[in-house]
Every structure is written in structure tokens, then in C-alpha cells.
Amino acid sequence: MGCPLEQYGGGAMQQGTILESEALPFFEFTYGVKLQKVGFITTDDGRLGCSPDAITEDGGVECKCPQPPAALKYLLEGVLPPQYAAQVHGSMLVTGRSHWTFLSYSRQFPAFVLRVDRDEGIQTKLRAALDAFLARFDAAYAKIKALKDAEAAAHTAP
């Protein structure tokens, strides 16, 4: 769109951002894993990207610091919460890494740490869905660009 979009940032999200600064060092120290903070990572063609909370030698980390009810739910269920599945598997797709760690951190409960291994079946489905999205995106972008160019030409014509 040529300009930044508004971003959501409620109190719970701000708290999560603050807690993440202690969650990642906790994970690094407790599990003896060297974490590297990175920015936005893209595929070689620049079409897809992700912003991991950290990467490891052969994996990455997605850290969530939810409110206590959600943290307890994740801990008791012991599975990757479905709302983060696309993010975790998408990060593996973009980076090519073999696994990702989902970390749910709360001061009230033990941390929930789950290693998620790369699943080629999921990767294939995700890639197909993203390719279909990119095709629709490219078509919409081309249409909007053509309309914008036509509008600009109409305003500059004598």
C-alpha cells in the first residue's frame, strides 16, 4: 500500500513483549541453547518472510508470554496451540530449519517448551497455500497498479 499499516498493541501484548526479554534468556540458560536474535528473514526470492523470536544452530524459537489462563491451557494440553501452527511451520518453511521450539513463558507456571520437527507434508501444503495466495496477490497488485497508472495518466493528459 506504500505506507505502514496500523498495528495492534493492547496491554496483554505489551506485557508479552516485556516478558519475552526474560523468557528467552531463561530458555537459553535452562536448556543450554545458544540463541541468536535476528530481524526479518525472507526466502531467497524475497516473497515470503518471518520474524523469529530467535534462531538456534539448526532451529528457531517462537516465544509466547500469554496471560495465565492461556499459559496454563498450553501447559496442560502439551501440544502446539493450533493458532500458532502456521507461524511455527511457516518459519521452518522460510528458514529451511529442521525444527522449531514453541516456548510459552509465564511467571505463574512452569514454562511449556515443545520441540516441533519439520513435517514435509505440512510444508508441502503450506507452500501450496502460499503459492496460491501469491498468485492472487500478484493479480490484485497488477490490477491496482494499472488503475493507479490510468488515473495518473488521466490527470496529466492535456
N, C-alpha and C. Protein backbone atom coordinates (compact mmCIF):
# COMPACT_ATOMS: atom_id res chain seq x y z
N MET A 1 0.81 -1.19 0.00
CA MET A 1 0.00 0.00 0.00
C MET A 1 0.86 1.26 0.00
N GLY A 2 2.15 1.10 0.14
CA GLY A 2 3.03 2.24 0.08
C GLY A 2 3.16 3.01 1.39
N CYS A 3 2.55 2.49 2.45
CA CYS A 3 2.65 3.15 3.75
C CYS A 3 2.46 2.10 4.84
N PRO A 4 2.96 2.39 6.04
CA PRO A 4 2.77 1.43 7.13
C PRO A 4 1.30 1.31 7.50
N LEU A 5 0.89 0.11 7.90
CA LEU A 5 -0.46 -0.11 8.37
C LEU A 5 -0.50 0.04 9.88
N GLU A 6 -1.68 0.35 10.42
CA GLU A 6 -1.83 0.43 11.86
C GLU A 6 -1.53 -0.93 12.46
N GLN A 7 -0.95 -0.92 13.65
CA GLN A 7 -0.63 -2.17 14.32
C GLN A 7 -1.44 -2.27 15.60
N TYR A 8 -1.78 -3.52 15.95
CA TYR A 8 -2.50 -3.78 17.18
C TYR A 8 -1.49 -3.83 18.31
N GLY A 9 -1.83 -3.34 19.46
CA GLY A 9 -0.92 -3.39 20.59
C GLY A 9 -1.64 -3.17 21.91
N GLY A 10 -2.41 -4.12 22.37
CA GLY A 10 -3.12 -3.99 23.63
C GLY A 10 -2.21 -4.25 24.81
N GLY A 11 -2.77 -4.12 26.02
CA GLY A 11 -2.00 -4.30 27.23
C GLY A 11 -1.39 -5.68 27.36
N ALA A 12 -2.15 -6.72 27.00
CA ALA A 12 -1.63 -8.09 27.08
C ALA A 12 -0.45 -8.27 26.13
N MET A 13 -0.53 -7.65 24.96
CA MET A 13 0.56 -7.76 24.00
C MET A 13 1.80 -7.04 24.52
N GLN A 14 1.61 -5.89 25.14
CA GLN A 14 2.74 -5.16 25.71
C GLN A 14 3.39 -5.95 26.83
N GLN A 15 2.56 -6.59 27.67
CA GLN A 15 3.10 -7.41 28.75
C GLN A 15 3.90 -8.57 28.16
N GLY A 16 3.39 -9.19 27.12
CA GLY A 16 4.10 -10.29 26.48
C GLY A 16 5.44 -9.86 25.93
N THR A 17 5.50 -8.67 25.36
CA THR A 17 6.76 -8.15 24.82
C THR A 17 7.77 -7.94 25.94
N ILE A 18 7.30 -7.41 27.07
CA ILE A 18 8.19 -7.19 28.21
C ILE A 18 8.70 -8.53 28.76
N LEU A 19 7.80 -9.49 28.93
CA LEU A 19 8.19 -10.80 29.48
C LEU A 19 9.11 -11.57 28.55
N GLU A 20 9.00 -11.34 27.26
CA GLU A 20 9.86 -12.04 26.31
C GLU A 20 11.34 -11.74 26.60
N SER A 21 11.62 -10.54 27.11
CA SER A 21 13.01 -10.18 27.40
C SER A 21 13.59 -11.00 28.55
N GLU A 22 12.76 -11.62 29.36
CA GLU A 22 13.27 -12.55 30.37
C GLU A 22 13.06 -14.00 29.96
N ALA A 23 12.08 -14.26 29.11
CA ALA A 23 11.78 -15.63 28.69
C ALA A 23 12.91 -16.23 27.85
N LEU A 24 13.43 -15.48 26.91
CA LEU A 24 14.48 -16.02 26.04
C LEU A 24 15.77 -16.31 26.81
N PRO A 25 16.25 -15.40 27.67
CA PRO A 25 17.43 -15.76 28.48
C PRO A 25 17.16 -16.95 29.41
N PHE A 26 15.94 -17.04 29.95
CA PHE A 26 15.57 -18.21 30.76
C PHE A 26 15.73 -19.49 29.94
N PHE A 27 15.19 -19.49 28.74
CA PHE A 27 15.27 -20.68 27.88
C PHE A 27 16.72 -21.01 27.55
N GLU A 28 17.48 -19.99 27.19
CA GLU A 28 18.88 -20.18 26.82
C GLU A 28 19.67 -20.80 27.98
N PHE A 29 19.49 -20.26 29.18
CA PHE A 29 20.22 -20.75 30.35
C PHE A 29 19.73 -22.14 30.77
N THR A 30 18.43 -22.31 30.87
CA THR A 30 17.86 -23.56 31.37
C THR A 30 18.15 -24.74 30.45
N TYR A 31 18.10 -24.52 29.14
CA TYR A 31 18.26 -25.61 28.19
C TYR A 31 19.63 -25.65 27.53
N GLY A 32 20.51 -24.72 27.90
CA GLY A 32 21.87 -24.73 27.36
C GLY A 32 21.92 -24.53 25.86
N VAL A 33 21.02 -23.72 25.35
CA VAL A 33 20.93 -23.47 23.91
C VAL A 33 21.39 -22.03 23.64
N LYS A 34 22.25 -21.87 22.66
CA LYS A 34 22.70 -20.54 22.27
C LYS A 34 21.69 -19.95 21.30
N LEU A 35 21.09 -18.83 21.70
CA LEU A 35 20.10 -18.16 20.85
C LEU A 35 20.72 -16.96 20.15
N GLN A 36 20.27 -16.75 18.94
CA GLN A 36 20.69 -15.58 18.18
C GLN A 36 19.44 -14.77 17.84
N LYS A 37 19.43 -13.51 18.25
CA LYS A 37 18.33 -12.63 17.88
C LYS A 37 18.54 -12.20 16.44
N VAL A 38 17.46 -12.20 15.67
CA VAL A 38 17.53 -11.81 14.27
C VAL A 38 16.34 -10.90 13.96
N GLY A 39 16.39 -10.27 12.84
CA GLY A 39 15.27 -9.46 12.40
C GLY A 39 14.38 -10.26 11.48
N PHE A 40 13.89 -9.62 10.47
CA PHE A 40 13.01 -10.25 9.50
C PHE A 40 13.83 -11.07 8.52
N ILE A 41 13.45 -12.33 8.33
CA ILE A 41 14.15 -13.24 7.41
C ILE A 41 13.23 -13.51 6.23
N THR A 42 13.80 -13.48 5.02
CA THR A 42 13.00 -13.78 3.83
C THR A 42 13.56 -14.99 3.11
N THR A 43 12.72 -15.56 2.26
CA THR A 43 13.18 -16.61 1.37
C THR A 43 14.14 -15.97 0.37
N ASP A 44 14.88 -16.78 -0.35
CA ASP A 44 15.86 -16.25 -1.30
C ASP A 44 15.22 -15.32 -2.32
N ASP A 45 13.96 -15.60 -2.71
CA ASP A 45 13.30 -14.74 -3.70
C ASP A 45 12.65 -13.52 -3.07
N GLY A 46 12.69 -13.42 -1.75
CA GLY A 46 12.14 -12.25 -1.06
C GLY A 46 10.62 -12.21 -0.98
N ARG A 47 9.96 -13.25 -1.39
CA ARG A 47 8.49 -13.25 -1.45
C ARG A 47 7.82 -13.64 -0.15
N LEU A 48 8.51 -14.40 0.68
CA LEU A 48 7.95 -14.85 1.95
C LEU A 48 8.93 -14.50 3.05
N GLY A 49 8.40 -14.29 4.25
CA GLY A 49 9.29 -13.95 5.34
C GLY A 49 8.71 -14.31 6.69
N CYS A 50 9.55 -14.22 7.69
CA CYS A 50 9.13 -14.47 9.07
C CYS A 50 10.04 -13.65 9.99
N SER A 51 9.58 -13.46 11.20
CA SER A 51 10.39 -12.74 12.18
C SER A 51 10.47 -13.59 13.45
N PRO A 52 11.40 -14.53 13.46
CA PRO A 52 11.53 -15.42 14.61
C PRO A 52 11.93 -14.63 15.86
N ASP A 53 11.55 -15.15 17.00
CA ASP A 53 12.00 -14.53 18.24
C ASP A 53 13.48 -14.79 18.45
N ALA A 54 13.96 -15.92 17.97
CA ALA A 54 15.39 -16.26 18.00
C ALA A 54 15.60 -17.46 17.09
N ILE A 55 16.85 -17.63 16.67
CA ILE A 55 17.21 -18.85 15.94
C ILE A 55 18.32 -19.54 16.71
N THR A 56 18.42 -20.84 16.46
CA THR A 56 19.48 -21.65 17.03
C THR A 56 20.33 -22.16 15.87
N GLU A 57 21.29 -23.00 16.16
CA GLU A 57 22.16 -23.52 15.12
C GLU A 57 21.38 -24.19 13.99
N ASP A 58 20.36 -24.97 14.34
CA ASP A 58 19.60 -25.67 13.30
C ASP A 58 18.09 -25.53 13.45
N GLY A 59 17.66 -24.63 14.30
CA GLY A 59 16.23 -24.43 14.52
C GLY A 59 15.91 -22.99 14.85
N GLY A 60 14.79 -22.82 15.49
CA GLY A 60 14.36 -21.48 15.88
C GLY A 60 13.44 -21.56 17.08
N VAL A 61 13.07 -20.39 17.57
CA VAL A 61 12.22 -20.31 18.76
C VAL A 61 11.09 -19.32 18.51
N GLU A 62 9.89 -19.78 18.84
CA GLU A 62 8.72 -18.89 18.87
C GLU A 62 8.31 -18.80 20.33
N CYS A 63 8.41 -17.62 20.89
CA CYS A 63 8.15 -17.40 22.31
C CYS A 63 6.84 -16.64 22.48
N LYS A 64 5.98 -17.18 23.32
CA LYS A 64 4.73 -16.51 23.68
C LYS A 64 4.72 -16.35 25.19
N CYS A 65 4.25 -15.22 25.64
CA CYS A 65 4.13 -14.93 27.07
C CYS A 65 2.68 -14.56 27.34
N PRO A 66 1.80 -15.55 27.29
CA PRO A 66 0.37 -15.29 27.39
C PRO A 66 -0.09 -14.98 28.81
N GLN A 67 -1.31 -14.52 28.90
CA GLN A 67 -1.94 -14.34 30.20
C GLN A 67 -2.05 -15.70 30.88
N PRO A 68 -2.11 -15.73 32.22
CA PRO A 68 -2.10 -17.01 32.94
C PRO A 68 -3.10 -18.06 32.48
N PRO A 69 -4.36 -17.73 32.17
CA PRO A 69 -5.26 -18.81 31.72
C PRO A 69 -4.78 -19.52 30.45
N ALA A 70 -4.27 -18.76 29.50
CA ALA A 70 -3.78 -19.37 28.27
C ALA A 70 -2.49 -20.15 28.54
N ALA A 71 -1.61 -19.60 29.36
CA ALA A 71 -0.37 -20.29 29.68
C ALA A 71 -0.66 -21.65 30.34
N LEU A 72 -1.62 -21.67 31.24
CA LEU A 72 -2.00 -22.91 31.90
C LEU A 72 -2.60 -23.89 30.91
N LYS A 73 -3.42 -23.41 30.02
CA LYS A 73 -4.03 -24.27 28.99
C LYS A 73 -2.94 -24.92 28.13
N TYR A 74 -1.98 -24.13 27.65
CA TYR A 74 -0.91 -24.67 26.81
C TYR A 74 -0.13 -25.73 27.58
N LEU A 75 0.18 -25.44 28.84
CA LEU A 75 0.95 -26.35 29.67
C LEU A 75 0.21 -27.67 29.87
N LEU A 76 -1.06 -27.60 30.19
CA LEU A 76 -1.84 -28.82 30.45
C LEU A 76 -2.13 -29.62 29.19
N GLU A 77 -2.37 -28.94 28.06
CA GLU A 77 -2.66 -29.66 26.82
C GLU A 77 -1.41 -30.29 26.22
N GLY A 78 -0.26 -29.63 26.38
CA GLY A 78 1.00 -30.21 25.95
C GLY A 78 1.19 -30.37 24.46
N VAL A 79 0.47 -29.58 23.67
CA VAL A 79 0.61 -29.63 22.21
C VAL A 79 0.81 -28.21 21.68
N LEU A 80 1.26 -28.11 20.45
CA LEU A 80 1.39 -26.81 19.82
C LEU A 80 0.00 -26.21 19.68
N PRO A 81 -0.24 -25.04 20.28
CA PRO A 81 -1.57 -24.43 20.13
C PRO A 81 -1.86 -24.19 18.64
N PRO A 82 -3.04 -24.60 18.19
CA PRO A 82 -3.37 -24.51 16.76
C PRO A 82 -3.21 -23.11 16.17
N GLN A 83 -3.46 -22.07 16.97
CA GLN A 83 -3.36 -20.71 16.44
C GLN A 83 -1.92 -20.30 16.11
N TYR A 84 -0.93 -21.10 16.55
CA TYR A 84 0.46 -20.79 16.24
C TYR A 84 1.09 -21.77 15.26
N ALA A 85 0.33 -22.75 14.82
CA ALA A 85 0.88 -23.79 13.94
C ALA A 85 1.40 -23.20 12.63
N ALA A 86 0.64 -22.34 11.99
CA ALA A 86 1.08 -21.77 10.71
C ALA A 86 2.34 -20.93 10.91
N GLN A 87 2.41 -20.20 12.02
CA GLN A 87 3.58 -19.37 12.29
C GLN A 87 4.83 -20.23 12.49
N VAL A 88 4.71 -21.28 13.28
CA VAL A 88 5.85 -22.15 13.57
C VAL A 88 6.29 -22.89 12.30
N HIS A 89 5.34 -23.52 11.60
CA HIS A 89 5.70 -24.25 10.39
C HIS A 89 6.12 -23.31 9.27
N GLY A 90 5.52 -22.14 9.22
CA GLY A 90 5.92 -21.14 8.22
C GLY A 90 7.34 -20.66 8.44
N SER A 91 7.74 -20.52 9.70
CA SER A 91 9.11 -20.11 9.99
C SER A 91 10.10 -21.17 9.52
N MET A 92 9.74 -22.44 9.67
CA MET A 92 10.60 -23.51 9.15
C MET A 92 10.64 -23.48 7.63
N LEU A 93 9.51 -23.16 7.01
CA LEU A 93 9.46 -23.07 5.55
C LEU A 93 10.39 -21.98 5.05
N VAL A 94 10.31 -20.81 5.66
CA VAL A 94 11.13 -19.67 5.23
C VAL A 94 12.61 -19.91 5.48
N THR A 95 12.94 -20.45 6.65
CA THR A 95 14.35 -20.58 7.03
C THR A 95 15.00 -21.89 6.59
N GLY A 96 14.18 -22.91 6.28
CA GLY A 96 14.72 -24.21 5.93
C GLY A 96 15.22 -25.00 7.12
N ARG A 97 14.94 -24.55 8.32
CA ARG A 97 15.45 -25.20 9.53
C ARG A 97 14.69 -26.50 9.81
N SER A 98 15.35 -27.40 10.56
CA SER A 98 14.82 -28.74 10.80
C SER A 98 13.79 -28.81 11.92
N HIS A 99 13.80 -27.83 12.80
CA HIS A 99 12.84 -27.85 13.91
C HIS A 99 12.66 -26.44 14.46
N TRP A 100 11.61 -26.31 15.25
CA TRP A 100 11.30 -25.03 15.89
C TRP A 100 10.87 -25.35 17.32
N THR A 101 11.20 -24.49 18.25
CA THR A 101 10.78 -24.66 19.62
C THR A 101 9.68 -23.67 19.93
N PHE A 102 8.56 -24.18 20.43
CA PHE A 102 7.49 -23.31 20.92
C PHE A 102 7.70 -23.17 22.42
N LEU A 103 7.82 -21.93 22.87
CA LEU A 103 8.03 -21.63 24.28
C LEU A 103 6.89 -20.76 24.78
N SER A 104 6.17 -21.26 25.77
CA SER A 104 5.14 -20.47 26.44
C SER A 104 5.68 -20.17 27.83
N TYR A 105 5.88 -18.90 28.12
CA TYR A 105 6.52 -18.49 29.37
C TYR A 105 5.57 -17.67 30.21
N SER A 106 5.51 -18.02 31.48
CA SER A 106 4.68 -17.31 32.44
C SER A 106 5.38 -17.32 33.78
N ARG A 107 5.29 -16.24 34.50
CA ARG A 107 5.88 -16.21 35.84
C ARG A 107 5.09 -17.05 36.83
N GLN A 108 3.83 -17.33 36.53
CA GLN A 108 2.96 -18.07 37.45
C GLN A 108 3.08 -19.58 37.34
N PHE A 109 3.52 -20.09 36.19
CA PHE A 109 3.53 -21.52 35.94
C PHE A 109 4.87 -21.95 35.35
N PRO A 110 5.14 -23.26 35.39
CA PRO A 110 6.35 -23.73 34.69
C PRO A 110 6.24 -23.39 33.20
N ALA A 111 7.38 -23.17 32.58
CA ALA A 111 7.39 -22.90 31.14
C ALA A 111 6.95 -24.15 30.38
N PHE A 112 6.25 -23.93 29.29
CA PHE A 112 5.89 -25.03 28.39
C PHE A 112 6.83 -24.93 27.19
N VAL A 113 7.64 -25.96 26.99
CA VAL A 113 8.62 -25.99 25.91
C VAL A 113 8.32 -27.20 25.05
N LEU A 114 8.11 -26.97 23.76
CA LEU A 114 7.77 -28.06 22.85
C LEU A 114 8.62 -27.96 21.59
N ARG A 115 9.33 -29.01 21.28
CA ARG A 115 10.08 -29.07 20.02
C ARG A 115 9.12 -29.55 18.94
N VAL A 116 9.08 -28.81 17.84
CA VAL A 116 8.25 -29.16 16.70
C VAL A 116 9.19 -29.46 15.54
N ASP A 117 9.20 -30.71 15.10
CA ASP A 117 10.06 -31.10 13.99
C ASP A 117 9.41 -30.76 12.66
N ARG A 118 10.25 -30.50 11.70
CA ARG A 118 9.79 -30.19 10.34
C ARG A 118 9.00 -31.38 9.81
N ASP A 119 7.84 -31.10 9.24
CA ASP A 119 6.97 -32.13 8.68
C ASP A 119 6.79 -31.78 7.20
N GLU A 120 7.35 -32.60 6.34
CA GLU A 120 7.34 -32.28 4.90
C GLU A 120 5.92 -32.25 4.33
N GLY A 121 5.01 -33.03 4.89
CA GLY A 121 3.61 -32.98 4.44
C GLY A 121 3.00 -31.61 4.72
N ILE A 122 3.24 -31.11 5.92
CA ILE A 122 2.74 -29.77 6.27
C ILE A 122 3.43 -28.71 5.43
N GLN A 123 4.74 -28.88 5.22
CA GLN A 123 5.48 -27.91 4.41
C GLN A 123 4.93 -27.84 2.99
N THR A 124 4.60 -28.99 2.41
CA THR A 124 4.06 -29.03 1.05
C THR A 124 2.70 -28.32 0.98
N LYS A 125 1.83 -28.59 1.95
CA LYS A 125 0.51 -27.95 1.98
C LYS A 125 0.63 -26.44 2.21
N LEU A 126 1.51 -26.06 3.10
CA LEU A 126 1.71 -24.64 3.38
C LEU A 126 2.26 -23.92 2.16
N ARG A 127 3.22 -24.54 1.50
CA ARG A 127 3.81 -23.93 0.30
C ARG A 127 2.77 -23.77 -0.81
N ALA A 128 1.91 -24.77 -0.98
CA ALA A 128 0.86 -24.70 -1.98
C ALA A 128 -0.12 -23.57 -1.66
N ALA A 129 -0.49 -23.45 -0.40
CA ALA A 129 -1.41 -22.37 0.01
C ALA A 129 -0.76 -21.01 -0.19
N LEU A 130 0.51 -20.89 0.14
CA LEU A 130 1.21 -19.61 -0.05
C LEU A 130 1.39 -19.29 -1.53
N ASP A 131 1.67 -20.29 -2.35
CA ASP A 131 1.79 -20.05 -3.80
C ASP A 131 0.46 -19.57 -4.36
N ALA A 132 -0.66 -20.16 -3.92
CA ALA A 132 -1.98 -19.72 -4.38
C ALA A 132 -2.24 -18.28 -3.92
N PHE A 133 -1.89 -17.97 -2.67
CA PHE A 133 -2.06 -16.61 -2.17
C PHE A 133 -1.22 -15.63 -3.00
N LEU A 134 0.03 -15.98 -3.26
CA LEU A 134 0.90 -15.07 -4.02
C LEU A 134 0.36 -14.84 -5.43
N ALA A 135 -0.22 -15.85 -6.05
CA ALA A 135 -0.81 -15.68 -7.38
C ALA A 135 -1.97 -14.68 -7.32
N ARG A 136 -2.83 -14.83 -6.30
CA ARG A 136 -3.95 -13.88 -6.14
C ARG A 136 -3.43 -12.47 -5.80
N PHE A 137 -2.42 -12.41 -4.97
CA PHE A 137 -1.81 -11.13 -4.61
C PHE A 137 -1.25 -10.44 -5.84
N ASP A 138 -0.48 -11.18 -6.65
CA ASP A 138 0.12 -10.60 -7.85
C ASP A 138 -0.95 -10.07 -8.80
N ALA A 139 -2.03 -10.82 -8.97
CA ALA A 139 -3.11 -10.38 -9.85
C ALA A 139 -3.78 -9.11 -9.31
N ALA A 140 -4.05 -9.08 -8.02
CA ALA A 140 -4.67 -7.90 -7.41
C ALA A 140 -3.73 -6.70 -7.49
N TYR A 141 -2.45 -6.93 -7.24
CA TYR A 141 -1.46 -5.84 -7.30
C TYR A 141 -1.37 -5.27 -8.71
N ALA A 142 -1.33 -6.15 -9.70
CA ALA A 142 -1.25 -5.71 -11.10
C ALA A 142 -2.49 -4.88 -11.47
N LYS A 143 -3.66 -5.31 -11.01
CA LYS A 143 -4.90 -4.58 -11.30
C LYS A 143 -4.88 -3.21 -10.64
N ILE A 144 -4.49 -3.15 -9.38
CA ILE A 144 -4.44 -1.86 -8.67
C ILE A 144 -3.42 -0.94 -9.31
N LYS A 145 -2.26 -1.48 -9.67
CA LYS A 145 -1.22 -0.67 -10.32
C LYS A 145 -1.72 -0.12 -11.66
N ALA A 146 -2.41 -0.94 -12.43
CA ALA A 146 -2.94 -0.49 -13.72
C ALA A 146 -3.96 0.62 -13.50
N LEU A 147 -4.84 0.48 -12.51
CA LEU A 147 -5.83 1.53 -12.22
C LEU A 147 -5.14 2.82 -11.77
N LYS A 148 -4.14 2.70 -10.96
CA LYS A 148 -3.39 3.87 -10.47
C LYS A 148 -2.66 4.56 -11.63
N ASP A 149 -2.04 3.75 -12.50
CA ASP A 149 -1.34 4.30 -13.65
C ASP A 149 -2.32 5.01 -14.60
N ALA A 150 -3.50 4.41 -14.80
CA ALA A 150 -4.51 5.02 -15.67
C ALA A 150 -5.00 6.34 -15.07
N GLU A 151 -5.18 6.36 -13.76
CA GLU A 151 -5.62 7.59 -13.09
C GLU A 151 -4.56 8.67 -13.23
N ALA A 152 -3.30 8.31 -13.05
CA ALA A 152 -2.21 9.30 -13.18
C ALA A 152 -2.12 9.82 -14.61
N ALA A 153 -2.30 8.93 -15.58
CA ALA A 153 -2.24 9.35 -16.98
C ALA A 153 -3.41 10.29 -17.30
N ALA A 154 -4.57 10.03 -16.72
CA ALA A 154 -5.73 10.89 -16.98
C ALA A 154 -5.52 12.30 -16.42
N HIS A 155 -4.82 12.41 -15.33
CA HIS A 155 -4.58 13.72 -14.71
C HIS A 155 -3.46 14.49 -15.38
N THR A 156 -2.63 13.81 -16.16
CA THR A 156 -1.51 14.50 -16.81
C THR A 156 -1.78 14.75 -18.29
N ALA A 157 -2.86 14.18 -18.81
CA ALA A 157 -3.19 14.37 -20.23
C ALA A 157 -3.64 15.81 -20.48
N PRO A 158 -3.23 16.38 -21.63
CA PRO A 158 -3.65 17.77 -21.92
C PRO A 158 -5.11 17.88 -22.26
